Structures are given as structure tokens and as C-alpha cells.
Protein backbone atom coordinates (compact mmCIF):
# COMPACT_ATOMS: atom_id res chain seq x y z
CA MET A 1 89.70 105.84 91.13
CA HIS A 2 93.91 104.67 92.41
CA LEU A 3 96.41 106.63 90.59
CA ILE A 4 99.53 104.91 90.23
CA ASN A 5 102.71 106.30 88.93
CA ASN A 6 106.59 105.17 88.18
CA ILE A 7 108.33 108.32 89.61
CA ASN A 8 111.94 106.25 88.61
CA ALA A 9 114.01 103.62 88.87
CA LYS A 10 113.24 103.26 92.73
CA THR A 11 110.38 104.95 93.83
CA PHE A 12 106.39 105.37 92.35
CA SER A 13 103.38 107.32 93.45
CA HIS A 14 100.19 106.14 95.20
CA ASN A 15 97.56 109.17 94.39
CA GLY A 16 99.83 111.78 94.29
CA ILE A 17 102.28 109.98 97.43
CA ASN A 18 105.52 108.50 97.28
CA TYR A 19 107.07 105.39 98.58
CA VAL A 20 110.20 102.93 97.68
CA LYS A 21 109.71 100.29 95.48
CA ASN A 22 108.79 97.38 97.80
CA PHE A 23 105.37 95.90 97.06
CA ILE A 24 103.44 93.38 95.27
CA VAL A 25 100.17 92.90 93.78
CA ILE A 26 98.35 89.85 94.95
CA LYS A 27 95.75 88.45 92.52
CA GLN A 28 92.23 88.68 94.04
CA GLY A 29 89.48 86.38 93.15
CA SER A 30 88.91 86.83 88.73
CA THR A 31 88.75 90.57 88.47
CA ASN A 32 90.16 92.01 92.09
CA ILE A 33 93.78 92.93 92.81
CA ALA A 34 95.71 94.19 96.86
CA ILE A 35 98.74 95.89 97.23
CA HIS A 36 100.83 94.58 99.98
CA ASN A 37 104.41 95.59 101.09
CA ALA A 38 106.36 93.09 100.06
CA TYR A 39 108.08 92.90 103.62
CA ASP A 40 105.49 93.20 105.77
CA THR A 41 102.25 91.90 104.31
CA LYS A 42 100.03 93.88 107.23
CA PHE A 43 101.02 97.17 105.58
CA GLN A 44 98.48 96.59 102.57
CA LEU A 45 98.35 99.88 100.57
CA VAL A 46 95.07 99.42 98.60
CA GLY A 47 92.85 96.56 99.51
CA SER A 48 90.79 93.88 97.48
CA THR A 49 89.54 96.33 94.28
CA HIS A 50 88.54 96.29 91.34
CA PHE A 51 91.01 96.58 88.32
CA SER A 52 88.51 99.16 85.93
CA GLN A 53 89.29 101.12 89.27
CA PHE A 54 93.16 101.41 88.79
CA GLN A 55 95.05 103.55 86.23
CA VAL A 56 98.68 103.14 85.72
CA ASN A 57 101.17 105.72 84.06
CA GLY A 58 97.32 106.74 82.75
CA VAL A 59 96.15 104.12 81.62
CA VAL A 60 93.15 101.79 82.42
CA TYR A 61 93.24 98.53 81.62
CA THR A 62 90.97 95.97 80.80
CA SER A 63 91.47 92.95 82.56
CA GLN A 64 92.84 91.78 85.88
CA ALA A 65 95.72 90.08 83.73
CA ASP A 66 97.10 93.58 81.99
CA LEU A 67 96.57 95.14 84.75
CA MET A 68 98.90 93.01 86.90
CA ALA A 69 101.27 92.80 84.17
CA ASN A 70 102.16 96.40 83.77
CA LEU A 71 102.16 96.86 87.43
CA VAL A 72 104.42 94.34 88.62
CA ASN A 73 107.97 95.81 87.61
CA ILE A 74 106.27 99.44 88.62
CA LEU A 75 105.65 98.44 92.46
CA PHE A 76 109.01 96.47 92.94
CA VAL A 77 112.23 96.02 92.48
CA LYS A 78 114.44 92.98 93.49
CA ASN A 79 117.76 94.81 94.58
CA LEU A 80 116.24 97.62 96.09
CA GLY A 81 118.54 97.86 99.51
CA ALA A 82 122.29 97.68 99.51
CA GLY A 83 123.47 96.28 95.96
CA ALA A 84 121.27 98.77 94.34
CA ILE A 85 123.95 102.06 95.49
CA SER A 86 126.42 102.78 92.35
CA ASN A 87 127.79 105.85 94.94
CA THR A 88 128.17 107.58 98.36
CA SER A 89 125.92 110.43 96.51
CA GLU A 90 122.84 108.04 96.99
CA LEU A 91 123.70 107.60 100.93
CA ILE A 92 124.08 110.95 101.71
CA ASN A 93 121.66 112.55 99.56
CA ASP A 94 123.83 115.31 98.52
CA GLY A 95 121.61 115.74 95.28
CA ALA A 96 124.52 114.52 93.02
CA ASP A 97 121.81 112.15 91.37
CA GLY A 98 118.69 113.60 92.10
CA ILE A 99 117.48 110.50 94.05
CA ASN A 100 117.14 109.40 97.75
CA PRO A 101 116.70 105.67 98.09
CA PHE A 102 115.69 106.31 101.46
CA VAL A 103 111.68 107.13 102.99
CA THR A 104 111.95 110.72 104.22
CA VAL A 105 109.11 112.33 106.50
CA ALA A 106 107.90 113.90 103.00
CA ASP A 107 107.43 110.61 101.55
CA LEU A 108 105.41 109.26 104.19
CA PRO A 109 101.44 109.28 103.19
CA SER A 110 99.60 112.81 104.59
CA ALA A 111 97.62 111.82 108.05
CA ASN A 112 94.72 113.71 108.57
CA LYS A 113 93.28 112.33 112.18
CA ILE A 114 91.58 113.93 115.40
CA LEU A 115 93.97 114.36 117.92
CA ASN A 116 91.98 115.80 120.53
CA GLN A 117 87.71 116.96 120.44
CA THR A 118 86.37 119.21 123.11
CA GLY A 119 82.26 118.30 122.11
CA TYR A 120 79.71 120.33 120.56
CA ASN A 121 76.27 121.25 121.94
CA LEU A 122 73.28 121.63 119.41
CA SER A 123 70.65 124.07 120.43
CA GLY A 124 68.56 124.62 117.36
CA GLU A 125 69.29 125.01 113.98
CA THR A 126 72.82 126.63 115.84
CA LEU A 127 76.16 124.02 116.56
CA THR A 128 78.20 125.15 118.98
CA ILE A 129 81.50 124.06 118.67
CA ASN A 130 83.67 123.86 121.61
CA ALA A 131 87.12 125.85 121.77
CA ASP A 132 90.56 123.75 121.47
CA TRP A 133 90.30 120.98 119.43
CA ILE A 134 93.32 119.99 117.93
CA TRP A 135 93.89 118.39 114.23
CA LEU A 136 96.11 117.29 111.97
CA ILE A 137 95.61 117.69 107.78
CA ALA A 138 98.86 116.47 105.86
CA ASN A 139 100.28 116.38 108.90
CA GLN A 140 100.38 119.49 109.88
CA GLN A 141 98.63 120.38 113.40
CA TYR A 142 95.45 123.03 113.68
CA THR A 143 93.40 123.82 116.59
CA ASN A 144 90.09 126.65 117.04
CA ASP A 145 91.69 128.74 119.52
CA ASP A 146 87.89 130.46 120.45
CA VAL A 147 83.92 128.82 119.73
CA VAL A 148 82.60 128.65 116.77
CA GLU A 149 79.14 128.80 115.86
CA ILE A 150 77.74 127.45 112.77
CA ASN A 151 73.58 127.57 111.67
CA VAL A 152 72.39 123.90 110.49
CA PRO A 153 68.97 125.16 108.66
CA LEU A 154 66.50 122.48 109.01
CA ALA A 155 65.39 120.61 105.58
CA THR A 156 61.63 121.48 103.65
CA SER A 157 59.07 119.59 104.43
CA GLY A 158 59.04 116.15 104.20
CA ASN A 159 63.03 116.25 103.11
CA THR A 160 65.42 114.34 104.40
CA ARG A 161 69.63 116.15 104.56
CA ILE A 162 73.07 114.56 105.91
CA ASP A 163 75.11 117.68 106.18
CA LEU A 164 79.25 117.30 107.28
CA ILE A 165 80.91 119.39 109.64
CA VAL A 166 84.88 119.52 108.63
CA ALA A 167 87.52 120.65 110.06
CA ASP A 168 89.79 122.83 107.62
CA ASN A 169 93.40 123.89 107.51
CA ASN A 170 91.97 128.01 108.34
CA ASN A 171 91.80 126.82 112.44
CA THR A 172 88.01 126.67 112.08
CA PHE A 173 84.99 124.47 111.19
CA GLN A 174 82.20 125.07 108.42
CA ARG A 175 79.34 123.11 107.44
CA ILE A 176 79.21 121.15 104.11
CA ALA A 177 75.17 120.75 103.47
CA GLY A 178 74.06 117.48 101.45
CA THR A 179 71.17 117.38 99.26
CA GLU A 180 68.09 117.19 100.46
CA ALA A 181 65.71 113.91 99.43
CA VAL A 182 62.52 112.28 100.46
CA ASP A 183 64.27 108.56 101.43
CA ASN A 184 67.79 107.82 101.37
CA ALA A 185 69.69 110.50 102.00
CA ILE A 186 73.62 110.59 101.05
CA ALA A 187 76.62 112.72 102.35
CA PRO A 188 78.62 114.41 100.72
CA PRO A 189 82.07 113.78 99.70
CA VAL A 190 84.36 115.17 102.51
CA PRO A 191 86.82 118.08 100.48
CA ASN A 192 90.03 118.01 100.41
CA ASN A 193 92.24 119.81 102.77
CA THR A 194 89.40 119.17 105.38
CA ILE A 195 88.54 116.20 108.05
CA GLN A 196 85.24 115.42 109.27
CA ALA A 197 84.22 116.63 112.67
CA THR A 198 80.58 115.25 113.30
CA LEU A 199 77.78 113.92 110.82
CA ILE A 200 74.37 115.88 111.03
CA VAL A 201 71.18 114.14 109.80
CA VAL A 202 68.75 116.65 109.28
CA THR A 203 64.77 116.35 108.53
CA ASP A 204 62.31 119.11 108.58
CA GLY A 205 61.95 118.77 112.31
CA ILE A 206 64.37 117.04 113.71
CA ILE A 207 68.46 117.96 113.83
CA GLU A 208 70.49 114.81 114.94
CA ALA A 209 74.52 114.66 114.84
CA GLU A 210 76.37 111.55 114.98
CA PRO A 211 79.55 111.31 116.93
CA THR A 212 82.87 112.52 116.12
CA PRO A 213 85.87 109.65 115.35
CA VAL A 214 88.62 110.19 117.15
CA GLY A 215 91.75 109.19 115.64
CA ASP A 216 92.95 107.09 112.57
CA LEU A 217 89.63 108.13 111.26
CA TYR A 218 87.69 105.08 113.15
CA LEU A 219 84.73 104.68 114.89
CA GLU A 220 84.10 102.51 118.02
CA LYS A 221 83.11 98.96 116.63
CA ALA A 222 79.09 98.11 117.14
CA ASP A 223 78.52 95.18 116.49
CA GLU A 224 75.26 94.50 118.13
CA THR A 225 73.65 98.29 117.25
CA ILE A 226 70.67 98.60 115.65
CA GLY A 227 69.11 100.66 112.55
CA TYR A 228 65.22 100.13 112.35
CA ILE A 229 63.80 100.45 108.78
CA GLY A 230 60.19 102.18 109.37
CA SER A 231 58.43 103.41 106.24
CA SER A 232 60.35 102.17 103.16
CA SER A 233 57.99 101.05 100.17
CA GLY A 234 58.86 100.21 96.78
CA VAL A 235 61.83 99.10 95.15
CA MET A 236 64.73 100.63 97.34
CA ALA A 237 67.90 101.25 94.86
CA ASN A 238 70.29 102.53 97.46
CA PHE A 239 70.10 101.24 100.64
CA ILE A 240 71.95 103.50 103.15
CA LEU A 241 74.16 102.35 105.39
CA LYS A 242 75.17 103.75 108.62
CA LYS A 243 76.83 103.69 111.76
CA TYR A 244 74.65 100.06 112.43
CA THR A 245 75.82 96.39 111.12
CA ASN A 246 71.84 95.54 111.94
CA TYR A 247 68.73 96.55 110.00
CA ILE A 248 65.36 95.48 110.32
CA ILE A 249 63.60 96.22 108.14
CA THR A 250 60.16 96.84 110.36
CA ASP A 251 55.99 95.95 109.25
CA SER A 252 55.38 99.29 108.54
CA SER A 253 57.08 99.33 105.92
CA SER A 254 56.19 98.17 102.31
CA VAL A 255 59.68 97.04 100.04
CA THR A 256 59.76 94.82 97.53
CA GLN A 257 62.89 95.51 96.09
CA ILE A 258 66.97 96.35 97.61
CA ASN A 259 68.95 97.06 94.02
CA SER A 260 71.97 98.08 96.02
CA ALA A 261 74.03 100.19 98.90
CA SER A 262 76.03 102.93 99.73
CA PHE A 263 77.42 103.97 103.40
CA GLN A 264 76.62 107.46 104.13
CA SER A 265 80.04 108.51 105.11
CA PRO A 266 83.26 106.66 104.68
CA VAL A 267 84.19 106.62 107.80
CA PHE A 268 81.28 104.12 108.67
CA SER A 269 82.84 101.75 106.76
CA TYR A 270 85.69 99.04 106.70
CA VAL A 271 86.90 95.65 105.26
CA GLY A 272 85.26 92.91 107.28
CA LYS A 273 82.29 94.71 108.85
CA ARG A 274 79.25 92.37 108.89
CA ILE A 275 76.10 93.94 107.85
CA ARG A 276 72.63 91.62 108.28
CA ILE A 277 69.81 92.89 107.05
CA THR A 278 66.36 91.49 108.87
CA ASN A 279 62.90 91.70 107.20
CA GLN A 280 60.06 91.80 109.45
CA GLN A 281 57.33 92.57 106.66
CA SER A 282 54.41 90.06 106.09
CA THR A 283 56.12 90.22 102.24
CA PRO A 284 59.58 88.97 101.17
CA ILE A 285 61.82 91.43 99.34
CA LEU A 286 64.18 90.36 96.33
CA PHE A 287 67.60 91.09 96.59
CA LYS A 288 69.09 91.87 93.22
CA HIS A 289 72.73 90.11 92.30
CA ASN A 290 75.54 92.91 91.10
CA PHE A 291 72.98 95.40 90.00
CA GLY A 292 71.48 99.34 90.39
CA ILE A 293 73.36 102.62 91.47
CA GLY A 294 74.57 102.26 95.02
CA VAL A 295 78.36 102.25 95.23
CA LEU A 296 78.58 98.66 97.44
CA LYS A 297 76.64 96.24 94.71
CA PHE A 298 75.34 92.80 96.16
CA ASP A 299 77.10 89.32 95.70
CA LEU A 300 74.63 86.90 95.99
CA VAL A 301 75.05 83.35 96.19
CA ASN A 302 75.29 81.46 93.11
CA GLY A 303 75.49 84.63 91.30
CA ALA A 304 71.14 85.24 91.24
CA ASP A 305 68.98 87.01 92.90
CA TYR A 306 67.98 86.02 96.36
CA ARG A 307 64.14 86.85 97.92
CA LEU A 308 64.33 87.34 101.54
CA PHE A 309 61.05 85.50 103.15
CA PRO A 310 59.47 87.31 106.35
CA ASP A 311 61.31 86.81 109.58
CA GLU A 312 64.36 85.53 107.84
CA THR A 313 67.75 87.44 108.16
CA ILE A 314 71.17 87.94 105.54
CA SER A 315 74.16 88.48 106.08
CA PHE A 316 77.18 90.52 103.94
CA ILE A 317 80.27 90.90 104.91
CA VAL A 318 81.63 94.75 103.52
CA GLN A 319 84.62 93.18 100.62
CA ASP A 320 86.22 95.86 99.56
CA ASP A 321 84.79 99.45 98.44
CA TYR A 322 82.56 97.67 96.04
CA THR A 323 81.07 95.02 96.76
CA LEU A 324 78.59 93.62 100.05
CA ILE A 325 79.24 89.57 99.61
CA GLN A 326 76.79 87.27 100.95
CA VAL A 327 78.79 85.30 103.53
CA ALA A 328 75.77 82.85 104.99
CA GLU A 329 73.05 81.15 103.00
CA LYS A 330 69.64 81.07 104.57
CA SER A 331 68.68 77.72 104.29
CA SER A 332 65.72 76.72 102.20
CA LEU A 333 63.02 76.80 104.86
CA LEU A 334 59.75 74.06 104.52
CA ASN A 335 56.08 75.54 105.21
CA GLN A 336 53.90 72.87 106.16
CA ILE A 337 50.38 73.48 105.66
CA THR A 338 48.13 70.46 106.49
CA GLY A 339 43.86 69.50 106.30
CA ILE A 340 44.38 71.86 102.26
CA THR A 341 40.45 70.24 100.32
CA ILE A 342 41.06 70.64 97.12
CA SER A 343 37.00 71.02 95.68
CA SER A 344 35.84 68.06 92.95
CA ALA A 345 34.27 71.66 91.37
CA GLY A 346 37.35 73.62 91.03
CA TRP A 347 38.50 71.12 88.35
CA VAL A 348 39.12 72.59 84.59
CA LEU A 349 39.75 70.85 81.37
CA ASN A 350 42.80 72.76 79.67
CA ALA A 351 44.56 71.03 76.69
CA GLY A 352 43.43 67.89 77.73
CA LEU A 353 44.41 67.51 81.86
CA TYR A 354 42.18 68.84 84.57
CA GLU A 355 43.75 71.81 86.00
CA TYR A 356 43.62 72.49 89.50
CA GLU A 357 44.80 75.85 91.15
CA TYR A 358 45.01 76.73 94.60
CA SER A 359 46.28 80.52 96.08
CA ASN A 360 48.63 80.89 98.95
CA SER A 361 50.99 83.71 99.56
CA ASN A 362 53.68 81.98 100.14
CA ILE A 363 54.40 80.52 97.32
CA TYR A 364 56.63 81.81 94.78
CA SER A 365 57.76 80.69 91.46
CA SER A 366 61.43 79.56 92.61
CA SER A 367 58.58 77.55 95.40
CA ILE A 368 59.56 73.95 95.51
CA VAL A 369 56.13 72.71 96.26
CA SER A 370 54.75 69.21 96.77
CA ILE A 371 51.62 67.78 98.45
CA ILE A 372 50.57 64.39 99.94
CA PRO A 373 47.43 63.20 99.60
CA ASP A 374 45.40 62.07 103.02
CA ASN A 375 44.60 57.89 103.25
CA SER A 376 41.12 59.03 103.18
CA SER A 377 41.37 60.40 99.18
CA VAL A 378 43.93 57.86 98.16
CA ASP A 379 41.32 55.94 96.20
CA THR A 380 39.83 59.46 94.06
CA ILE A 381 43.46 60.21 93.76
CA ILE A 382 44.09 57.16 91.62
CA GLU A 383 40.78 57.01 90.29
CA ALA A 384 41.36 60.73 88.60
CA GLN A 385 45.49 59.60 87.92
CA ILE A 386 46.77 63.09 89.70
CA LEU A 387 49.56 63.54 88.17
CA PRO A 388 53.03 64.52 89.89
CA GLN A 389 54.33 67.87 88.42
CA LEU A 390 53.38 70.78 90.16
CA ASP A 391 53.55 74.31 88.42
CA SER A 392 54.18 76.85 91.23
CA SER A 393 54.37 80.72 90.18
CA ASN A 394 53.94 83.69 92.57
CA GLY A 395 51.01 82.50 94.76
CA MET A 396 49.40 79.95 93.42
CA VAL A 397 50.46 76.23 92.53
CA LYS A 398 48.74 74.39 89.65
CA ILE A 399 47.74 70.87 89.71
CA TYR A 400 47.56 67.84 87.03
CA SER A 401 44.95 65.23 86.63
CA LYS A 402 44.13 63.08 83.63
CA ASN A 403 40.69 62.48 84.92
CA GLU A 404 38.44 64.82 86.74
CA PRO A 405 37.77 64.03 90.44
CA THR A 406 34.32 63.02 91.19
CA SER A 407 35.09 63.94 95.07
CA ASN A 408 36.67 65.86 97.30
CA ILE A 409 40.49 65.34 98.15
CA THR A 410 42.61 65.96 101.72
CA ILE A 411 46.32 66.99 100.94
CA THR A 412 49.30 68.79 102.98
CA LEU A 413 51.14 70.83 101.18
CA ASN A 414 54.31 71.42 102.04
CA ILE A 415 56.49 74.51 100.87
CA LEU A 416 60.19 74.99 99.78
CA LYS A 417 61.17 78.37 99.93
CA ASN A 418 64.19 78.45 97.31
């Protein structure tokens, strides 16, 4: 939640940090807004965010338009410069009116960053952090003069846990334990007055530390890194995104549906990051549109659920803190099966028409199916008056005829995966 409050005629606060009123609100689609500096649009205070995630002077507005209307005068004053200075006390800030029109060090956003890291060693269940790390918390510098040892216990049998190791404002480090889960464990939040030093993935037999971000909380880009999903099944309510940009759901999985997603840690997320998910299973995976418990919802093409077929890849871009937008619609793919025999014995009379059900695992209710009769079967088709309408459902297509065919029919079946 973004908390914005009016301070005085010249300043406002965003999440407790004061800013001069030289920012503008920018409309993003029909529900989101962004906040940029009016004189330098590269200075983005808030990226594209849903209107419901703002509280302005204690009020959460119920529409994008209402939010924007109430933010305009709080974020920007037209003549904030020399034309707004009414006396010399404002220039020298002697406290006569209690207003300082200039940005001071105290007004700057609090910087939390790792300035220097000297490494760590993980042996068994003990993480040893070397001396002389240097970090900033709220612009104050800290360092550990001595080695710090932290116990990291294994997870219970069959479970996974994500722990954070954070540097604090007491010149030391501490472990923030996550909650154990059978699948898709989630990292705990970083506590106030600390900064993440590393992230540790813990199973019942392995403890693995992730790289340490250095500087302004960024990681080296890893656009071609791959994460493998090899033992998941059924519905994934919350697909956990780690440092990787490419994810392969292998043929040892049996995932049927993915509802939403979340990043394991905020340091792995940035606006514009591309995420690709490839299905190497023998069965399709259904992605749900704007659904699920994860922080990130899938914004899918045409606003509809999306079926990812075997050996296909779906691509997303991180649009903001809440949305993974699909950026490349997979073209419908043709699966053509030749030499299919429609047996004359398989037709069933139903409501005045003869019906034939042909089964194939590549057919789904959303598939577009057509048939091409073999030249040798044309006479039989004409005599039986095979109808043009076909009805597809999961695993099957139904063919209709006015009369019962007297001979077998040979066809080519085209399946468009829609």
C-alpha cells in the first residue's frame, strides 16, 4: 500500500518520506496510475500500480479517476520556485515560518544497500559470515567487525523452507525463518531496519544459499537462466518465481493448472522482466486469467484463460507489482492426422441423426476441428449426407450424418489448438 499525505503547501509524504510538490500523476490504462517527477520523468516515484493500492490522506478511493483528481494538488504546485517565496526566511530557513522549500538530506529517500560484502561459507547447518561487511540502513553505515555464525536447521521431512539472512542496525546478522511447505515455499518479508544479505533455500537434506545483491538492491541480469520444475502435480495455486527468467515444467511433472504467481524474494523482480514458461509435459496446462492467491495475476490475451500445450512456451513481462502481462500470443497450431478410418459399425442414431465419436488426446473443447475425406470415400459421404458441423470436447470430436454410412470412411483430421 502506498501511503500519500499532504504535509504543507510545498511538500507531501510518500510512505513517510517527504518530497517537494513537483510530481505528476500519469494514467496507466483503465485502472493503474504512475507518479513521476514533473521535470525529470526518468525519476519515477511509483511505477504502474492499481488505484486500490493507494491511501491518500487516510482515504482509499474506489476508482482511478477519483484517485487522480485527489492526487493532483497534493503532488504538484505550479509555482513552487522563486515565485512562491514570500520572504527571506524561506530562503535561509531560519524557522520564522517553519517551512523549508528546499530538499535537504533529511528529505532524501532512506537508502538501504550492501556496500561491500566479504563472503560467507555454508558448512552443514552453519552459515559463517566473514568479517568486514559494510551496509547502509536509512543512510547510516554499519559493519561487522567479527565473523558471525548462524545456525540454519534442515526442514522437516518432505518440506522446503526459505530463510532470509539479514544485516541489521546492530552491526550483525540474523536469520529470518520462513514457513515450511511441501511445495512452493515463500520467503518471509524483510523486517524493518534490516537489509537482505542472502536468501537460503532449505530442504530436509540440502541447504543452498543464493547470491548476495550488492548496491541498490539489484541482481546481475540473468536473461538466459533456466529453472526446472520437476515434481509438481495438479493445480499450482501460486507459481513461485525465483531468480530465473526461463522455467521448464518437465515431463516428470503433471501440472494441470497454474492460477497465479509470486516472486520468492523482491530482489528477483523488476518492471520489464521477461518470464517464459515452457511445458514439456505430455498434457496441457491451463493458465487462469486474473485469478488466484499469488501476488502476481496473469493478464492473458483477450482476458480469457489460456491453455499451454505440450512443447510450447508462454511469455510474460512484469508490468508492475501485481501483474504478469502476456506479451506474445502463441499462434494456433495445426495438428494434422492422416489415414483415419471411420468405421461403418461405429455410428449411433440419436435424435434423428447418426453420430460418430472419434477420440484423440490432442482435441480439447476449445479446439477447432475439421475433416477432409479421402477421394475413395466421397461416394459414401455423399450417400450418407455427412454434415459439416463437428462438436469438439476434451479428448473427442463428434461427427454427424443424416443417413447411416454403409462403408468405412477414410479421412484426414485437422486440429487447430485455439
